[in-house]
Amino acid sequence: MSKSYEIISRVGISTVSLSDAIQSVVMEANKEKRVSWFEVVEQRGRITSEDKVEYQVTVKIGRRVTD
Protein backbone atom coordinates (compact mmCIF):
# COMPACT_ATOMS: atom_id res chain seq x y z
CA MET A 1 0.00 0.00 0.00
CA SER A 2 1.39 3.43 -0.96
CA LYS A 3 1.59 6.44 1.27
CA SER A 4 1.56 10.08 0.23
CA TYR A 5 2.99 13.11 1.98
CA GLU A 6 2.67 16.83 1.42
CA ILE A 7 5.64 19.12 1.94
CA ILE A 8 5.12 22.70 3.03
CA SER A 9 7.62 25.44 3.80
CA ARG A 10 7.29 27.77 6.77
CA VAL A 11 9.46 30.48 8.28
CA GLY A 12 9.80 30.62 12.05
CA ILE A 13 10.93 33.78 13.82
CA SER A 14 12.09 34.27 17.41
CA THR A 15 14.05 36.80 19.45
CA VAL A 16 15.03 34.01 21.88
CA SER A 17 16.97 31.44 19.81
CA LEU A 18 17.11 29.40 16.60
CA SER A 19 15.71 26.38 18.41
CA ASP A 20 12.80 28.46 19.70
CA ALA A 21 12.05 29.60 16.15
CA ILE A 22 12.12 25.98 14.95
CA GLN A 23 9.95 24.67 17.76
CA SER A 24 7.33 27.39 17.42
CA VAL A 25 6.90 26.98 13.64
CA VAL A 26 6.77 23.17 13.83
CA MET A 27 4.29 23.13 16.72
CA GLU A 28 2.09 25.70 14.96
CA ALA A 29 1.98 23.49 11.85
CA ASN A 30 1.28 20.44 14.02
CA LYS A 31 -1.85 22.11 15.44
CA GLU A 32 -3.27 22.32 11.91
CA LYS A 33 -2.34 18.78 10.87
CA ARG A 34 0.01 16.21 12.38
CA VAL A 35 3.64 16.73 11.36
CA SER A 36 5.45 13.57 10.28
CA TRP A 37 8.91 15.13 9.93
CA PHE A 38 10.68 18.44 9.45
CA GLU A 39 13.94 19.68 8.00
CA VAL A 40 15.65 23.00 8.67
CA VAL A 41 16.78 24.24 5.26
CA GLU A 42 17.95 27.76 6.06
CA GLN A 43 19.03 29.77 9.11
CA ARG A 44 19.50 33.49 9.20
CA GLY A 45 19.01 36.48 11.45
CA ARG A 46 18.88 40.22 11.64
CA ILE A 47 19.13 43.07 14.09
CA THR A 48 15.75 44.73 14.63
CA SER A 49 15.16 48.46 14.88
CA GLU A 50 15.01 47.93 18.67
CA ASP A 51 18.57 46.48 18.58
CA LYS A 52 17.43 42.91 19.29
CA VAL A 53 18.67 39.82 17.48
CA GLU A 54 15.91 38.14 15.49
CA TYR A 55 16.47 34.51 14.51
CA GLN A 56 14.77 33.22 11.37
CA VAL A 57 14.56 29.65 10.07
CA THR A 58 13.03 28.17 6.95
CA VAL A 59 11.64 24.71 7.67
CA LYS A 60 10.28 22.05 5.30
CA ILE A 61 7.47 20.16 6.99
CA GLY A 62 6.25 16.76 5.83
CA ARG A 63 2.68 15.70 6.62
CA ARG A 64 0.98 12.48 5.67
CA VAL A 65 -1.88 12.87 3.20
CA THR A 66 -3.13 9.30 2.72
CA ASP A 67 -2.74 5.89 4.31
PDB file of N, CA and C in Angstrom:
ATOM      1  N   MET A   1       0.843  -1.181   0.000  1.00  0.00           N
ATOM      2  CA  MET A   1       0.000   0.000   0.000  1.00  0.00           C
ATOM      3  C   MET A   1       0.890   1.248   0.000  1.00  0.00           C
ATOM      4  N   SER A   2       0.602   2.196  -0.875  1.00  0.00           N
ATOM      5  CA  SER A   2       1.390   3.426  -0.955  1.00  0.00           C
ATOM      6  C   SER A   2       0.940   4.437   0.087  1.00  0.00           C
ATOM      7  N   LYS A   3       1.862   5.330   0.369  1.00  0.00           N
ATOM      8  CA  LYS A   3       1.588   6.437   1.268  1.00  0.00           C
ATOM      9  C   LYS A   3       1.976   7.718   0.556  1.00  0.00           C
ATOM     10  N   SER A   4       1.244   8.785   0.821  1.00  0.00           N
ATOM     11  CA  SER A   4       1.556  10.082   0.226  1.00  0.00           C
ATOM     12  C   SER A   4       1.782  11.106   1.323  1.00  0.00           C
ATOM     13  N   TYR A   5       2.683  12.033   1.043  1.00  0.00           N
ATOM     14  CA  TYR A   5       2.987  13.109   1.978  1.00  0.00           C
ATOM     15  C   TYR A   5       2.940  14.442   1.240  1.00  0.00           C
ATOM     16  N   GLU A   6       2.546  15.487   1.950  1.00  0.00           N
ATOM     17  CA  GLU A   6       2.669  16.832   1.417  1.00  0.00           C
ATOM     18  C   GLU A   6       3.858  17.484   2.099  1.00  0.00           C
ATOM     19  N   ILE A   7       4.512  18.372   1.383  1.00  0.00           N
ATOM     20  CA  ILE A   7       5.637  19.115   1.943  1.00  0.00           C
ATOM     21  C   ILE A   7       5.289  20.595   1.858  1.00  0.00           C
ATOM     22  N   ILE A   8       5.363  21.263   3.001  1.00  0.00           N
ATOM     23  CA  ILE A   8       5.120  22.699   3.034  1.00  0.00           C
ATOM     24  C   ILE A   8       6.366  23.391   3.588  1.00  0.00           C
ATOM     25  N   SER A   9       6.523  24.645   3.255  1.00  0.00           N
ATOM     26  CA  SER A   9       7.621  25.443   3.804  1.00  0.00           C
ATOM     27  C   SER A   9       7.044  26.517   4.695  1.00  0.00           C
ATOM     28  N   ARG A  10       7.693  26.725   5.832  1.00  0.00           N
ATOM     29  CA  ARG A  10       7.294  27.770   6.765  1.00  0.00           C
ATOM     30  C   ARG A  10       8.543  28.471   7.267  1.00  0.00           C
ATOM     31  N   VAL A  11       8.377  29.718   7.671  1.00  0.00           N
ATOM     32  CA  VAL A  11       9.464  30.481   8.277  1.00  0.00           C
ATOM     33  C   VAL A  11       9.096  30.752   9.721  1.00  0.00           C
ATOM     34  N   GLY A  12       9.981  30.347  10.628  1.00  0.00           N
ATOM     35  CA  GLY A  12       9.804  30.617  12.050  1.00  0.00           C
ATOM     36  C   GLY A  12      10.710  31.763  12.476  1.00  0.00           C
ATOM     37  N   ILE A  13      10.185  32.610  13.356  1.00  0.00           N
ATOM     38  CA  ILE A  13      10.931  33.778  13.816  1.00  0.00           C
ATOM     39  C   ILE A  13      10.876  33.838  15.331  1.00  0.00           C
ATOM     40  N   SER A  14      12.023  34.154  15.953  1.00  0.00           N
ATOM     41  CA  SER A  14      12.092  34.272  17.406  1.00  0.00           C
ATOM     42  C   SER A  14      13.179  35.265  17.789  1.00  0.00           C
ATOM     43  N   THR A  15      12.988  35.946  18.895  1.00  0.00           N
ATOM     44  CA  THR A  15      14.045  36.796  19.445  1.00  0.00           C
ATOM     45  C   THR A  15      14.767  36.076  20.578  1.00  0.00           C
ATOM     46  N   VAL A  16      14.414  34.798  20.810  1.00  0.00           N
ATOM     47  CA  VAL A  16      15.032  34.009  21.876  1.00  0.00           C
ATOM     48  C   VAL A  16      16.197  33.179  21.345  1.00  0.00           C
ATOM     49  N   SER A  17      15.929  32.327  20.327  1.00  0.00           N
ATOM     50  CA  SER A  17      16.968  31.438  19.805  1.00  0.00           C
ATOM     51  C   SER A  17      16.505  30.794  18.501  1.00  0.00           C
ATOM     52  N   LEU A  18      17.461  30.170  17.797  1.00  0.00           N
ATOM     53  CA  LEU A  18      17.110  29.399  16.601  1.00  0.00           C
ATOM     54  C   LEU A  18      16.203  28.232  16.954  1.00  0.00           C
ATOM     55  N   SER A  19      16.527  27.528  18.031  1.00  0.00           N
ATOM     56  CA  SER A  19      15.708  26.377  18.406  1.00  0.00           C
ATOM     57  C   SER A  19      14.293  26.791  18.795  1.00  0.00           C
ATOM     58  N   ASP A  20      14.131  27.964  19.385  1.00  0.00           N
ATOM     59  CA  ASP A  20      12.797  28.458  19.703  1.00  0.00           C
ATOM     60  C   ASP A  20      12.025  28.773  18.422  1.00  0.00           C
ATOM     61  N   ALA A  21      12.692  29.327  17.434  1.00  0.00           N
ATOM     62  CA  ALA A  21      12.048  29.604  16.147  1.00  0.00           C
ATOM     63  C   ALA A  21      11.609  28.310  15.472  1.00  0.00           C
ATOM     64  N   ILE A  22      12.455  27.285  15.536  1.00  0.00           N
ATOM     65  CA  ILE A  22      12.125  25.979  14.948  1.00  0.00           C
ATOM     66  C   ILE A  22      10.934  25.365  15.675  1.00  0.00           C
ATOM     67  N   GLN A  23      11.016  25.307  16.984  1.00  0.00           N
ATOM     68  CA  GLN A  23       9.950  24.669  17.761  1.00  0.00           C
ATOM     69  C   GLN A  23       8.612  25.367  17.551  1.00  0.00           C
ATOM     70  N   SER A  24       8.607  26.687  17.542  1.00  0.00           N
ATOM     71  CA  SER A  24       7.334  27.393  17.415  1.00  0.00           C
ATOM     72  C   SER A  24       6.690  27.162  16.045  1.00  0.00           C
ATOM     73  N   VAL A  25       7.481  27.169  14.969  1.00  0.00           N
ATOM     74  CA  VAL A  25       6.895  26.978  13.642  1.00  0.00           C
ATOM     75  C   VAL A  25       6.434  25.534  13.436  1.00  0.00           C
ATOM     76  N   VAL A  26       7.165  24.575  13.966  1.00  0.00           N
ATOM     77  CA  VAL A  26       6.770  23.167  13.829  1.00  0.00           C
ATOM     78  C   VAL A  26       5.519  22.880  14.656  1.00  0.00           C
ATOM     79  N   MET A  27       5.462  23.385  15.875  1.00  0.00           N
ATOM     80  CA  MET A  27       4.292  23.133  16.721  1.00  0.00           C
ATOM     81  C   MET A  27       3.047  23.834  16.177  1.00  0.00           C
ATOM     82  N   GLU A  28       3.227  24.999  15.587  1.00  0.00           N
ATOM     83  CA  GLU A  28       2.094  25.698  14.960  1.00  0.00           C
ATOM     84  C   GLU A  28       1.534  24.873  13.804  1.00  0.00           C
ATOM     85  N   ALA A  29       2.415  24.335  12.964  1.00  0.00           N
ATOM     86  CA  ALA A  29       1.976  23.491  11.850  1.00  0.00           C
ATOM     87  C   ALA A  29       1.328  22.211  12.359  1.00  0.00           C
ATOM     88  N   ASN A  30       1.826  21.671  13.462  1.00  0.00           N
ATOM     89  CA  ASN A  30       1.285  20.435  14.022  1.00  0.00           C
ATOM     90  C   ASN A  30      -0.140  20.621  14.544  1.00  0.00           C
ATOM     91  N   LYS A  31      -0.483  21.833  14.978  1.00  0.00           N
ATOM     92  CA  LYS A  31      -1.852  22.112  15.438  1.00  0.00           C
ATOM     93  C   LYS A  31      -2.850  22.023  14.286  1.00  0.00           C
ATOM     94  N   GLU A  32      -2.403  22.372  13.086  1.00  0.00           N
ATOM     95  CA  GLU A  32      -3.269  22.318  11.912  1.00  0.00           C
ATOM     96  C   GLU A  32      -3.449  20.888  11.411  1.00  0.00           C
ATOM     97  N   LYS A  33      -2.337  20.162  11.338  1.00  0.00           N
ATOM     98  CA  LYS A  33      -2.338  18.775  10.866  1.00  0.00           C
ATOM     99  C   LYS A  33      -1.055  18.127  11.349  1.00  0.00           C
ATOM    100  N   ARG A  34      -1.136  16.895  11.785  1.00  0.00           N
ATOM    101  CA  ARG A  34       0.009  16.205  12.382  1.00  0.00           C
ATOM    102  C   ARG A  34       1.249  16.246  11.491  1.00  0.00           C
ATOM    103  N   VAL A  35       2.358  16.665  12.069  1.00  0.00           N
ATOM    104  CA  VAL A  35       3.641  16.731  11.364  1.00  0.00           C
ATOM    105  C   VAL A  35       4.321  15.370  11.453  1.00  0.00           C
ATOM    106  N   SER A  36       4.739  14.838  10.307  1.00  0.00           N
ATOM    107  CA  SER A  36       5.449  13.566  10.278  1.00  0.00           C
ATOM    108  C   SER A  36       6.952  13.768  10.442  1.00  0.00           C
ATOM    109  N   TRP A  37       7.473  14.814   9.844  1.00  0.00           N
ATOM    110  CA  TRP A  37       8.906  15.126   9.930  1.00  0.00           C
ATOM    111  C   TRP A  37       9.127  16.581   9.563  1.00  0.00           C
ATOM    112  N   PHE A  38      10.318  17.091   9.872  1.00  0.00           N
ATOM    113  CA  PHE A  38      10.680  18.442   9.449  1.00  0.00           C
ATOM    114  C   PHE A  38      12.174  18.517   9.201  1.00  0.00           C
ATOM    115  N   GLU A  39      12.542  19.477   8.367  1.00  0.00           N
ATOM    116  CA  GLU A  39      13.945  19.681   8.002  1.00  0.00           C
ATOM    117  C   GLU A  39      14.221  21.183   7.984  1.00  0.00           C
ATOM    118  N   VAL A  40      15.235  21.604   8.708  1.00  0.00           N
ATOM    119  CA  VAL A  40      15.655  23.005   8.672  1.00  0.00           C
ATOM    120  C   VAL A  40      16.506  23.191   7.427  1.00  0.00           C
ATOM    121  N   VAL A  41      16.066  24.060   6.523  1.00  0.00           N
ATOM    122  CA  VAL A  41      16.785  24.238   5.262  1.00  0.00           C
ATOM    123  C   VAL A  41      17.557  25.551   5.198  1.00  0.00           C
ATOM    124  N   GLU A  42      17.244  26.487   6.080  1.00  0.00           N
ATOM    125  CA  GLU A  42      17.954  27.759   6.062  1.00  0.00           C
ATOM    126  C   GLU A  42      17.874  28.408   7.440  1.00  0.00           C
ATOM    127  N   GLN A  43      18.976  29.010   7.850  1.00  0.00           N
ATOM    128  CA  GLN A  43      19.029  29.766   9.106  1.00  0.00           C
ATOM    129  C   GLN A  43      19.592  31.139   8.800  1.00  0.00           C
ATOM    130  N   ARG A  44      18.996  32.139   9.395  1.00  0.00           N
ATOM    131  CA  ARG A  44      19.497  33.491   9.203  1.00  0.00           C
ATOM    132  C   ARG A  44      19.025  34.343  10.370  1.00  0.00           C
ATOM    133  N   GLY A  45      19.441  35.577  10.396  1.00  0.00           N
ATOM    134  CA  GLY A  45      19.013  36.478  11.454  1.00  0.00           C
ATOM    135  C   GLY A  45      19.188  37.920  11.035  1.00  0.00           C
ATOM    136  N   ARG A  46      18.731  38.789  11.904  1.00  0.00           N
ATOM    137  CA  ARG A  46      18.876  40.217  11.638  1.00  0.00           C
ATOM    138  C   ARG A  46      18.842  40.954  12.968  1.00  0.00           C
ATOM    139  N   ILE A  47      19.244  42.194  12.941  1.00  0.00           N
ATOM    140  CA  ILE A  47      19.128  43.071  14.093  1.00  0.00           C
ATOM    141  C   ILE A  47      17.906  43.952  13.854  1.00  0.00           C
ATOM    142  N   THR A  48      16.972  43.939  14.789  1.00  0.00           N
ATOM    143  CA  THR A  48      15.748  44.729  14.633  1.00  0.00           C
ATOM    144  C   THR A  48      16.017  46.208  14.896  1.00  0.00           C
ATOM    145  N   SER A  49      15.022  47.020  14.620  1.00  0.00           N
ATOM    146  CA  SER A  49      15.162  48.463  14.876  1.00  0.00           C
ATOM    147  C   SER A  49      15.258  48.765  16.370  1.00  0.00           C
ATOM    148  N   GLU A  50      14.874  47.787  17.212  1.00  0.00           N
ATOM    149  CA  GLU A  50      15.010  47.929  18.666  1.00  0.00           C
ATOM    150  C   GLU A  50      16.327  47.334  19.171  1.00  0.00           C
ATOM    151  N   ASP A  51      17.263  47.059  18.266  1.00  0.00           N
ATOM    152  CA  ASP A  51      18.568  46.475  18.576  1.00  0.00           C
ATOM    153  C   ASP A  51      18.488  45.104  19.247  1.00  0.00           C
ATOM    154  N   LYS A  52      17.528  44.288  18.827  1.00  0.00           N
ATOM    155  CA  LYS A  52      17.428  42.910  19.288  1.00  0.00           C
ATOM    156  C   LYS A  52      17.829  41.989  18.141  1.00  0.00           C
ATOM    157  N   VAL A  53      18.363  40.831  18.496  1.00  0.00           N
ATOM    158  CA  VAL A  53      18.668  39.823  17.485  1.00  0.00           C
ATOM    159  C   VAL A  53      17.383  39.063  17.197  1.00  0.00           C
ATOM    160  N   GLU A  54      17.070  38.923  15.905  1.00  0.00           N
ATOM    161  CA  GLU A  54      15.905  38.144  15.490  1.00  0.00           C
ATOM    162  C   GLU A  54      16.408  36.935  14.700  1.00  0.00           C
ATOM    163  N   TYR A  55      16.080  35.751  15.170  1.00  0.00           N
ATOM    164  CA  TYR A  55      16.474  34.509  14.511  1.00  0.00           C
ATOM    165  C   TYR A  55      15.358  34.085  13.563  1.00  0.00           C
ATOM    166  N   GLN A  56      15.738  33.651  12.364  1.00  0.00           N
ATOM    167  CA  GLN A  56      14.769  33.217  11.366  1.00  0.00           C
ATOM    168  C   GLN A  56      15.217  31.868  10.798  1.00  0.00           C
ATOM    169  N   VAL A  57      14.265  30.958  10.645  1.00  0.00           N
ATOM    170  CA  VAL A  57      14.562  29.649  10.069  1.00  0.00           C
ATOM    171  C   VAL A  57      13.501  29.298   9.026  1.00  0.00           C
ATOM    172  N   THR A  58      13.955  28.727   7.931  1.00  0.00           N
ATOM    173  CA  THR A  58      13.027  28.167   6.954  1.00  0.00           C
ATOM    174  C   THR A  58      13.013  26.662   7.185  1.00  0.00           C
ATOM    175  N   VAL A  59      11.817  26.119   7.323  1.00  0.00           N
ATOM    176  CA  VAL A  59      11.645  24.711   7.666  1.00  0.00           C
ATOM    177  C   VAL A  59      10.739  24.052   6.628  1.00  0.00           C
ATOM    178  N   LYS A  60      11.155  22.888   6.123  1.00  0.00           N
ATOM    179  CA  LYS A  60      10.281  22.050   5.300  1.00  0.00           C
ATOM    180  C   LYS A  60       9.572  21.105   6.254  1.00  0.00           C
ATOM    181  N   ILE A  61       8.272  21.004   6.102  1.00  0.00           N
ATOM    182  CA  ILE A  61       7.469  20.164   6.985  1.00  0.00           C
ATOM    183  C   ILE A  61       6.762  19.111   6.133  1.00  0.00           C
ATOM    184  N   GLY A  62       6.905  17.857   6.510  1.00  0.00           N
ATOM    185  CA  GLY A  62       6.245  16.758   5.828  1.00  0.00           C
ATOM    186  C   GLY A  62       5.051  16.288   6.638  1.00  0.00           C
ATOM    187  N   ARG A  63       3.898  16.171   5.946  1.00  0.00           N
ATOM    188  CA  ARG A  63       2.680  15.703   6.615  1.00  0.00           C
ATOM    189  C   ARG A  63       2.038  14.631   5.743  1.00  0.00           C
ATOM    190  N   ARG A  64       1.580  13.591   6.383  1.00  0.00           N
ATOM    191  CA  ARG A  64       0.976  12.479   5.675  1.00  0.00           C
ATOM    192  C   ARG A  64      -0.388  12.887   5.113  1.00  0.00           C
ATOM    193  N   VAL A  65      -0.624  12.545   3.857  1.00  0.00           N
ATOM    194  CA  VAL A  65      -1.882  12.871   3.202  1.00  0.00           C
ATOM    195  C   VAL A  65      -2.821  11.674   3.191  1.00  0.00           C
ATOM    196  N   THR A  66      -2.295  10.491   2.814  1.00  0.00           N
ATOM    197  CA  THR A  66      -3.128   9.296   2.718  1.00  0.00           C
ATOM    198  C   THR A  66      -2.474   8.120   3.419  1.00  0.00           C
ATOM    199  N   ASP A  67      -3.253   7.129   3.696  1.00  0.00           N
ATOM    200  CA  ASP A  67      -2.744   5.888   4.307  1.00  0.00           C
ATOM    201  C   ASP A  67      -2.487   4.842   3.262  1.00  0.00           C
TER     202      ASP A  67
END
